[in-house]
């Protein structure tokens, strides 16, 4: 898991697995925003798996799937709202 700190409240990383969610919670994060659409890759977990692990770890989770090269203004607005 490669997490890059953007500022004191926000960090980004690649695709996580459900088994990594406890580590994310232990690192002090409070929520997860998933931007990868379900079904994007056969080896990628579905959001429901991440959401279940997040709930068990006491984290909030949001699903805002973004299709590569098709980011819309509505997507950016949803992401901004989730950050708040």
PDB file of N, CA and C in Angstrom:
ATOM      1  N   UNK A   1       0.862  -1.174   0.000  1.00  0.00           N
ATOM      2  CA  UNK A   1       0.000   0.000   0.000  1.00  0.00           C
ATOM      3  C   UNK A   1       0.900   1.226   0.000  1.00  0.00           C
ATOM      4  N   UNK A   2       0.670   2.080  -0.968  1.00  0.00           N
ATOM      5  CA  UNK A   2       1.481   3.284  -1.130  1.00  0.00           C
ATOM      6  C   UNK A   2       0.595   4.499  -0.907  1.00  0.00           C
ATOM      7  N   UNK A   3       0.721   5.124   0.269  1.00  0.00           N
ATOM      8  CA  UNK A   3      -0.106   6.279   0.610  1.00  0.00           C
ATOM      9  C   UNK A   3       0.749   7.539   0.501  1.00  0.00           C
ATOM     10  N   UNK A   4       0.225   8.531  -0.200  1.00  0.00           N
ATOM     11  CA  UNK A   4       0.918   9.812  -0.361  1.00  0.00           C
ATOM     12  C   UNK A   4       0.082  10.905   0.308  1.00  0.00           C
ATOM     13  N   UNK A   5       0.687  11.595   1.231  1.00  0.00           N
ATOM     14  CA  UNK A   5       0.019  12.662   1.963  1.00  0.00           C
ATOM     15  C   UNK A   5      -0.089  13.897   1.071  1.00  0.00           C
ATOM     16  N   UNK A   6      -1.309  14.427   0.907  1.00  0.00           N
ATOM     17  CA  UNK A   6      -1.551  15.628   0.111  1.00  0.00           C
ATOM     18  C   UNK A   6      -1.448  16.871   1.003  1.00  0.00           C
ATOM     19  N   UNK A   7      -2.111  16.809   2.153  1.00  0.00           N
ATOM     20  CA  UNK A   7      -2.030  17.863   3.166  1.00  0.00           C
ATOM     21  C   UNK A   7      -2.303  17.209   4.515  1.00  0.00           C
ATOM     22  N   UNK A   8      -2.485  17.989   5.550  1.00  0.00           N
ATOM     23  CA  UNK A   8      -2.646  17.391   6.883  1.00  0.00           C
ATOM     24  C   UNK A   8      -3.927  16.566   7.041  1.00  0.00           C
ATOM     25  N   UNK A   9      -4.892  16.752   6.165  1.00  0.00           N
ATOM     26  CA  UNK A   9      -6.163  16.033   6.282  1.00  0.00           C
ATOM     27  C   UNK A   9      -6.435  15.039   5.165  1.00  0.00           C
ATOM     28  N   UNK A  10      -5.648  15.062   4.107  1.00  0.00           N
ATOM     29  CA  UNK A  10      -5.962  14.267   2.925  1.00  0.00           C
ATOM     30  C   UNK A  10      -4.739  13.504   2.426  1.00  0.00           C
ATOM     31  N   UNK A  11      -4.984  12.242   2.056  1.00  0.00           N
ATOM     32  CA  UNK A  11      -3.942  11.413   1.459  1.00  0.00           C
ATOM     33  C   UNK A  11      -4.573  10.614   0.328  1.00  0.00           C
ATOM     34  N   UNK A  12      -3.753  10.169  -0.602  1.00  0.00           N
ATOM     35  CA  UNK A  12      -4.227   9.363  -1.717  1.00  0.00           C
ATOM     36  C   UNK A  12      -3.385   8.103  -1.831  1.00  0.00           C
ATOM     37  N   UNK A  13      -3.952   7.113  -2.486  1.00  0.00           N
ATOM     38  CA  UNK A  13      -3.218   5.871  -2.695  1.00  0.00           C
ATOM     39  C   UNK A  13      -3.859   5.078  -3.811  1.00  0.00           C
ATOM     40  N   UNK A  14      -3.208   4.000  -4.156  1.00  0.00           N
ATOM     41  CA  UNK A  14      -3.742   3.112  -5.167  1.00  0.00           C
ATOM     42  C   UNK A  14      -4.863   2.257  -4.591  1.00  0.00           C
ATOM     43  N   UNK A  15      -5.304   1.306  -5.383  1.00  0.00           N
ATOM     44  CA  UNK A  15      -6.378   0.408  -4.966  1.00  0.00           C
ATOM     45  C   UNK A  15      -5.989  -0.328  -3.690  1.00  0.00           C
ATOM     46  N   UNK A  16      -6.868  -0.307  -2.725  1.00  0.00           N
ATOM     47  CA  UNK A  16      -6.651  -1.053  -1.483  1.00  0.00           C
ATOM     48  C   UNK A  16      -7.477  -2.330  -1.502  1.00  0.00           C
ATOM     49  N   UNK A  17      -7.149  -3.219  -0.583  1.00  0.00           N
ATOM     50  CA  UNK A  17      -7.935  -4.434  -0.390  1.00  0.00           C
ATOM     51  C   UNK A  17      -8.630  -4.351   0.965  1.00  0.00           C
ATOM     52  N   UNK A  18      -9.610  -5.197   1.154  1.00  0.00           N
ATOM     53  CA  UNK A  18     -10.325  -5.218   2.431  1.00  0.00           C
ATOM     54  C   UNK A  18      -9.373  -5.543   3.581  1.00  0.00           C
ATOM     55  N   UNK A  19      -8.383  -6.366   3.321  1.00  0.00           N
ATOM     56  CA  UNK A  19      -7.443  -6.744   4.381  1.00  0.00           C
ATOM     57  C   UNK A  19      -6.537  -5.579   4.796  1.00  0.00           C
ATOM     58  N   UNK A  20      -6.433  -4.533   4.004  1.00  0.00           N
ATOM     59  CA  UNK A  20      -5.600  -3.380   4.345  1.00  0.00           C
ATOM     60  C   UNK A  20      -6.358  -2.301   5.121  1.00  0.00           C
ATOM     61  N   UNK A  21      -7.664  -2.429   5.233  1.00  0.00           N
ATOM     62  CA  UNK A  21      -8.478  -1.389   5.864  1.00  0.00           C
ATOM     63  C   UNK A  21      -8.117  -1.214   7.337  1.00  0.00           C
ATOM     64  N   UNK A  22      -7.853  -2.284   8.059  1.00  0.00           N
ATOM     65  CA  UNK A  22      -7.487  -2.154   9.482  1.00  0.00           C
ATOM     66  C   UNK A  22      -6.192  -1.361   9.628  1.00  0.00           C
ATOM     67  N   UNK A  23      -5.254  -1.587   8.733  1.00  0.00           N
ATOM     68  CA  UNK A  23      -3.991  -0.843   8.750  1.00  0.00           C
ATOM     69  C   UNK A  23      -4.239   0.645   8.489  1.00  0.00           C
ATOM     70  N   UNK A  24      -5.164   0.940   7.600  1.00  0.00           N
ATOM     71  CA  UNK A  24      -5.520   2.325   7.297  1.00  0.00           C
ATOM     72  C   UNK A  24      -6.132   2.987   8.526  1.00  0.00           C
ATOM     73  N   UNK A  25      -7.029   2.286   9.205  1.00  0.00           N
ATOM     74  CA  UNK A  25      -7.640   2.810  10.426  1.00  0.00           C
ATOM     75  C   UNK A  25      -6.583   3.012  11.509  1.00  0.00           C
ATOM     76  N   UNK A  26      -5.674   2.066  11.650  1.00  0.00           N
ATOM     77  CA  UNK A  26      -4.612   2.157  12.661  1.00  0.00           C
ATOM     78  C   UNK A  26      -3.680   3.337  12.393  1.00  0.00           C
ATOM     79  N   UNK A  27      -3.561   3.727  11.127  1.00  0.00           N
ATOM     80  CA  UNK A  27      -2.720   4.870  10.762  1.00  0.00           C
ATOM     81  C   UNK A  27      -3.401   6.205  11.079  1.00  0.00           C
ATOM     82  N   UNK A  28      -4.656   6.161  11.527  1.00  0.00           N
ATOM     83  CA  UNK A  28      -5.352   7.370  11.933  1.00  0.00           C
ATOM     84  C   UNK A  28      -6.325   7.953  10.928  1.00  0.00           C
ATOM     85  N   UNK A  29      -6.506   7.271   9.818  1.00  0.00           N
ATOM     86  CA  UNK A  29      -7.462   7.773   8.833  1.00  0.00           C
ATOM     87  C   UNK A  29      -8.882   7.546   9.347  1.00  0.00           C
ATOM     88  N   UNK A  30      -9.810   8.411   8.935  1.00  0.00           N
ATOM     89  CA  UNK A  30     -11.196   8.327   9.393  1.00  0.00           C
ATOM     90  C   UNK A  30     -12.171   7.903   8.311  1.00  0.00           C
ATOM     91  N   UNK A  31     -11.739   7.983   7.046  1.00  0.00           N
ATOM     92  CA  UNK A  31     -12.650   7.624   5.963  1.00  0.00           C
ATOM     93  C   UNK A  31     -11.873   7.206   4.717  1.00  0.00           C
ATOM     94  N   UNK A  32     -12.623   6.558   3.822  1.00  0.00           N
ATOM     95  CA  UNK A  32     -12.079   6.082   2.552  1.00  0.00           C
ATOM     96  C   UNK A  32     -13.033   6.533   1.449  1.00  0.00           C
ATOM     97  N   UNK A  33     -12.480   7.081   0.373  1.00  0.00           N
ATOM     98  CA  UNK A  33     -13.269   7.400  -0.808  1.00  0.00           C
ATOM     99  C   UNK A  33     -12.748   6.513  -1.928  1.00  0.00           C
ATOM    100  N   UNK A  34     -13.631   5.720  -2.503  1.00  0.00           N
ATOM    101  CA  UNK A  34     -13.251   4.823  -3.595  1.00  0.00           C
ATOM    102  C   UNK A  34     -13.698   5.425  -4.913  1.00  0.00           C
ATOM    103  N   UNK A  35     -12.744   5.658  -5.823  1.00  0.00           N
ATOM    104  CA  UNK A  35     -13.062   6.227  -7.133  1.00  0.00           C
ATOM    105  C   UNK A  35     -13.006   5.204  -8.259  1.00  0.00           C
ATOM    106  N   UNK A  36     -12.599   3.970  -7.957  1.00  0.00           N
ATOM    107  CA  UNK A  36     -12.482   2.953  -8.997  1.00  0.00           C
ATOM    108  C   UNK A  36     -13.832   2.267  -9.207  1.00  0.00           C
ATOM    109  N   UNK A  37     -14.320   2.222 -10.439  1.00  0.00           N
ATOM    110  CA  UNK A  37     -15.602   1.557 -10.698  1.00  0.00           C
ATOM    111  C   UNK A  37     -15.515   0.050 -10.446  1.00  0.00           C
ATOM    112  N   UNK A  38     -16.555  -0.519  -9.877  1.00  0.00           N
ATOM    113  CA  UNK A  38     -16.637  -1.976  -9.729  1.00  0.00           C
ATOM    114  C   UNK A  38     -16.526  -2.621 -11.105  1.00  0.00           C
ATOM    115  N   UNK A  39     -15.838  -3.741 -11.169  1.00  0.00           N
ATOM    116  CA  UNK A  39     -15.713  -4.473 -12.419  1.00  0.00           C
ATOM    117  C   UNK A  39     -14.635  -3.948 -13.339  1.00  0.00           C
ATOM    118  N   UNK A  40     -13.859  -2.984 -12.882  1.00  0.00           N
ATOM    119  CA  UNK A  40     -12.819  -2.409 -13.731  1.00  0.00           C
ATOM    120  C   UNK A  40     -11.713  -3.418 -14.043  1.00  0.00           C
ATOM    121  N   UNK A  41     -11.446  -4.301 -13.115  1.00  0.00           N
ATOM    122  CA  UNK A  41     -10.427  -5.328 -13.317  1.00  0.00           C
ATOM    123  C   UNK A  41     -10.786  -6.582 -12.546  1.00  0.00           C
ATOM    124  N   UNK A  42     -10.512  -7.727 -13.114  1.00  0.00           N
ATOM    125  CA  UNK A  42     -10.873  -8.998 -12.475  1.00  0.00           C
ATOM    126  C   UNK A  42     -10.162  -9.200 -11.142  1.00  0.00           C
ATOM    127  N   UNK A  43      -9.013  -8.573 -10.975  1.00  0.00           N
ATOM    128  CA  UNK A  43      -8.245  -8.750  -9.743  1.00  0.00           C
ATOM    129  C   UNK A  43      -8.511  -7.659  -8.710  1.00  0.00           C
ATOM    130  N   UNK A  44      -9.480  -6.796  -8.965  1.00  0.00           N
ATOM    131  CA  UNK A  44      -9.790  -5.687  -8.061  1.00  0.00           C
ATOM    132  C   UNK A  44     -11.020  -6.008  -7.225  1.00  0.00           C
ATOM    133  N   UNK A  45     -11.002  -5.616  -5.939  1.00  0.00           N
ATOM    134  CA  UNK A  45     -12.166  -5.884  -5.081  1.00  0.00           C
ATOM    135  C   UNK A  45     -13.344  -4.987  -5.444  1.00  0.00           C
ATOM    136  N   UNK A  46     -14.533  -5.459  -5.160  1.00  0.00           N
ATOM    137  CA  UNK A  46     -15.726  -4.639  -5.318  1.00  0.00           C
ATOM    138  C   UNK A  46     -15.829  -3.713  -4.114  1.00  0.00           C
ATOM    139  N   UNK A  47     -16.462  -2.567  -4.315  1.00  0.00           N
ATOM    140  CA  UNK A  47     -16.587  -1.598  -3.232  1.00  0.00           C
ATOM    141  C   UNK A  47     -17.275  -2.192  -2.014  1.00  0.00           C
ATOM    142  N   UNK A  48     -18.238  -3.079  -2.205  1.00  0.00           N
ATOM    143  CA  UNK A  48     -18.954  -3.674  -1.068  1.00  0.00           C
ATOM    144  C   UNK A  48     -17.990  -4.351  -0.092  1.00  0.00           C
ATOM    145  N   UNK A  49     -16.924  -4.949  -0.599  1.00  0.00           N
ATOM    146  CA  UNK A  49     -15.917  -5.581   0.270  1.00  0.00           C
ATOM    147  C   UNK A  49     -15.177  -4.529   1.094  1.00  0.00           C
ATOM    148  N   UNK A  50     -14.780  -3.449   0.447  1.00  0.00           N
ATOM    149  CA  UNK A  50     -14.075  -2.360   1.132  1.00  0.00           C
ATOM    150  C   UNK A  50     -15.003  -1.707   2.151  1.00  0.00           C
ATOM    151  N   UNK A  51     -16.240  -1.477   1.755  1.00  0.00           N
ATOM    152  CA  UNK A  51     -17.219  -0.840   2.632  1.00  0.00           C
ATOM    153  C   UNK A  51     -17.456  -1.664   3.896  1.00  0.00           C
ATOM    154  N   UNK A  52     -17.589  -2.964   3.742  1.00  0.00           N
ATOM    155  CA  UNK A  52     -17.805  -3.851   4.889  1.00  0.00           C
ATOM    156  C   UNK A  52     -16.609  -3.803   5.839  1.00  0.00           C
ATOM    157  N   UNK A  53     -15.405  -3.867   5.290  1.00  0.00           N
ATOM    158  CA  UNK A  53     -14.201  -3.810   6.122  1.00  0.00           C
ATOM    159  C   UNK A  53     -14.078  -2.447   6.800  1.00  0.00           C
ATOM    160  N   UNK A  54     -14.417  -1.387   6.082  1.00  0.00           N
ATOM    161  CA  UNK A  54     -14.349  -0.044   6.654  1.00  0.00           C
ATOM    162  C   UNK A  54     -15.319   0.096   7.819  1.00  0.00           C
ATOM    163  N   UNK A  55     -16.519  -0.383   7.651  1.00  0.00           N
ATOM    164  CA  UNK A  55     -17.516  -0.305   8.718  1.00  0.00           C
ATOM    165  C   UNK A  55     -17.032  -1.069   9.951  1.00  0.00           C
ATOM    166  N   UNK A  56     -16.463  -2.245   9.747  1.00  0.00           N
ATOM    167  CA  UNK A  56     -15.931  -3.049  10.853  1.00  0.00           C
ATOM    168  C   UNK A  56     -14.786  -2.341  11.572  1.00  0.00           C
ATOM    169  N   UNK A  57     -14.030  -1.544  10.833  1.00  0.00           N
ATOM    170  CA  UNK A  57     -12.881  -0.835  11.400  1.00  0.00           C
ATOM    171  C   UNK A  57     -13.257   0.545  11.948  1.00  0.00           C
ATOM    172  N   UNK A  58     -14.537   0.903  11.835  1.00  0.00           N
ATOM    173  CA  UNK A  58     -14.987   2.193  12.340  1.00  0.00           C
ATOM    174  C   UNK A  58     -14.717   3.363  11.406  1.00  0.00           C
ATOM    175  N   UNK A  59     -14.510   3.069  10.130  1.00  0.00           N
ATOM    176  CA  UNK A  59     -14.257   4.110   9.138  1.00  0.00           C
ATOM    177  C   UNK A  59     -15.503   4.379   8.305  1.00  0.00           C
ATOM    178  N   UNK A  60     -15.653   5.599   7.865  1.00  0.00           N
ATOM    179  CA  UNK A  60     -16.697   5.924   6.901  1.00  0.00           C
ATOM    180  C   UNK A  60     -16.143   5.610   5.517  1.00  0.00           C
ATOM    181  N   UNK A  61     -17.031   5.297   4.600  1.00  0.00           N
ATOM    182  CA  UNK A  61     -16.584   5.032   3.229  1.00  0.00           C
ATOM    183  C   UNK A  61     -17.575   5.650   2.252  1.00  0.00           C
ATOM    184  N   UNK A  62     -17.042   6.106   1.128  1.00  0.00           N
ATOM    185  CA  UNK A  62     -17.858   6.690   0.066  1.00  0.00           C
ATOM    186  C   UNK A  62     -17.454   6.044  -1.248  1.00  0.00           C
ATOM    187  N   UNK A  63     -18.422   5.859  -2.119  1.00  0.00           N
ATOM    188  CA  UNK A  63     -18.182   5.278  -3.443  1.00  0.00           C
ATOM    189  C   UNK A  63     -18.520   6.314  -4.491  1.00  0.00           C
ATOM    190  N   UNK A  64     -17.495   6.857  -5.142  1.00  0.00           N
ATOM    191  CA  UNK A  64     -17.668   7.852  -6.192  1.00  0.00           C
ATOM    192  C   UNK A  64     -16.858   7.356  -7.396  1.00  0.00           C
ATOM    193  N   UNK A  65     -17.417   6.393  -8.137  1.00  0.00           N
ATOM    194  CA  UNK A  65     -16.666   5.809  -9.250  1.00  0.00           C
ATOM    195  C   UNK A  65     -16.431   6.814 -10.384  1.00  0.00           C
ATOM    196  N   UNK A  66     -15.213   6.843 -10.867  1.00  0.00           N
ATOM    197  CA  UNK A  66     -14.826   7.730 -11.952  1.00  0.00           C
ATOM    198  C   UNK A  66     -14.336   6.873 -13.118  1.00  0.00           C
ATOM    199  N   UNK A  67     -14.901   7.085 -14.286  1.00  0.00           N
ATOM    200  CA  UNK A  67     -14.452   6.383 -15.479  1.00  0.00           C
ATOM    201  C   UNK A  67     -13.278   7.165 -16.052  1.00  0.00           C
ATOM    202  N   UNK A  68     -12.177   6.488 -16.291  1.00  0.00           N
ATOM    203  CA  UNK A  68     -10.972   7.136 -16.798  1.00  0.00           C
ATOM    204  C   UNK A  68     -11.278   7.994 -18.025  1.00  0.00           C
ATOM    205  N   UNK A  69     -10.729   9.178 -18.047  1.00  0.00           N
ATOM    206  CA  UNK A  69     -10.884  10.205 -19.084  1.00  0.00           C
ATOM    207  C   UNK A  69     -12.325  10.694 -19.262  1.00  0.00           C
ATOM    208  N   UNK A  70     -13.188  10.404 -18.311  1.00  0.00           N
ATOM    209  CA  UNK A  70     -14.575  10.866 -18.406  1.00  0.00           C
ATOM    210  C   UNK A  70     -15.015  11.538 -17.103  1.00  0.00           C
ATOM    211  N   UNK A  71     -14.126  12.270 -16.471  1.00  0.00           N
ATOM    212  CA  UNK A  71     -14.462  12.960 -15.229  1.00  0.00           C
ATOM    213  C   UNK A  71     -15.429  14.100 -15.544  1.00  0.00           C
ATOM    214  N   UNK A  72     -16.517  14.126 -14.813  1.00  0.00           N
ATOM    215  CA  UNK A  72     -17.548  15.146 -15.028  1.00  0.00           C
ATOM    216  C   UNK A  72     -17.533  16.153 -13.875  1.00  0.00           C
ATOM    217  N   UNK A  73     -18.120  17.306 -14.081  1.00  0.00           N
ATOM    218  CA  UNK A  73     -18.222  18.310 -13.023  1.00  0.00           C
ATOM    219  C   UNK A  73     -18.959  17.737 -11.817  1.00  0.00           C
ATOM    220  N   UNK A  74     -19.975  16.909 -12.067  1.00  0.00           N
ATOM    221  CA  UNK A  74     -20.745  16.304 -10.975  1.00  0.00           C
ATOM    222  C   UNK A  74     -19.858  15.392 -10.117  1.00  0.00           C
ATOM    223  N   UNK A  75     -18.921  14.702 -10.778  1.00  0.00           N
ATOM    224  CA  UNK A  75     -17.994  13.833 -10.049  1.00  0.00           C
ATOM    225  C   UNK A  75     -17.124  14.662  -9.101  1.00  0.00           C
ATOM    226  N   UNK A  76     -16.607  15.772  -9.607  1.00  0.00           N
ATOM    227  CA  UNK A  76     -15.770  16.649  -8.786  1.00  0.00           C
ATOM    228  C   UNK A  76     -16.571  17.220  -7.622  1.00  0.00           C
ATOM    229  N   UNK A  77     -17.813  17.584  -7.862  1.00  0.00           N
ATOM    230  CA  UNK A  77     -18.663  18.123  -6.797  1.00  0.00           C
ATOM    231  C   UNK A  77     -18.933  17.073  -5.728  1.00  0.00           C
ATOM    232  N   UNK A  78     -19.212  15.840  -6.125  1.00  0.00           N
ATOM    233  CA  UNK A  78     -19.442  14.750  -5.168  1.00  0.00           C
ATOM    234  C   UNK A  78     -18.182  14.488  -4.349  1.00  0.00           C
ATOM    235  N   UNK A  79     -17.030  14.507  -5.007  1.00  0.00           N
ATOM    236  CA  UNK A  79     -15.767  14.276  -4.314  1.00  0.00           C
ATOM    237  C   UNK A  79     -15.511  15.375  -3.295  1.00  0.00           C
ATOM    238  N   UNK A  80     -15.724  16.624  -3.694  1.00  0.00           N
ATOM    239  CA  UNK A  80     -15.548  17.748  -2.782  1.00  0.00           C
ATOM    240  C   UNK A  80     -16.459  17.656  -1.572  1.00  0.00           C
ATOM    241  N   UNK A  81     -17.696  17.266  -1.797  1.00  0.00           N
ATOM    242  CA  UNK A  81     -18.653  17.108  -0.705  1.00  0.00           C
ATOM    243  C   UNK A  81     -18.212  15.990   0.241  1.00  0.00           C
ATOM    244  N   UNK A  82     -17.694  14.901  -0.311  1.00  0.00           N
ATOM    245  CA  UNK A  82     -17.220  13.784   0.504  1.00  0.00           C
ATOM    246  C   UNK A  82     -16.018  14.205   1.348  1.00  0.00           C
ATOM    247  N   UNK A  83     -15.169  15.059   0.814  1.00  0.00           N
ATOM    248  CA  UNK A  83     -14.026  15.548   1.589  1.00  0.00           C
ATOM    249  C   UNK A  83     -14.464  16.392   2.774  1.00  0.00           C
ATOM    250  N   UNK A  84     -15.533  17.116   2.596  1.00  0.00           N
ATOM    251  CA  UNK A  84     -16.055  17.941   3.711  1.00  0.00           C
ATOM    252  C   UNK A  84     -16.535  17.064   4.836  1.00  0.00           C
TER     253      UNK A  84
END
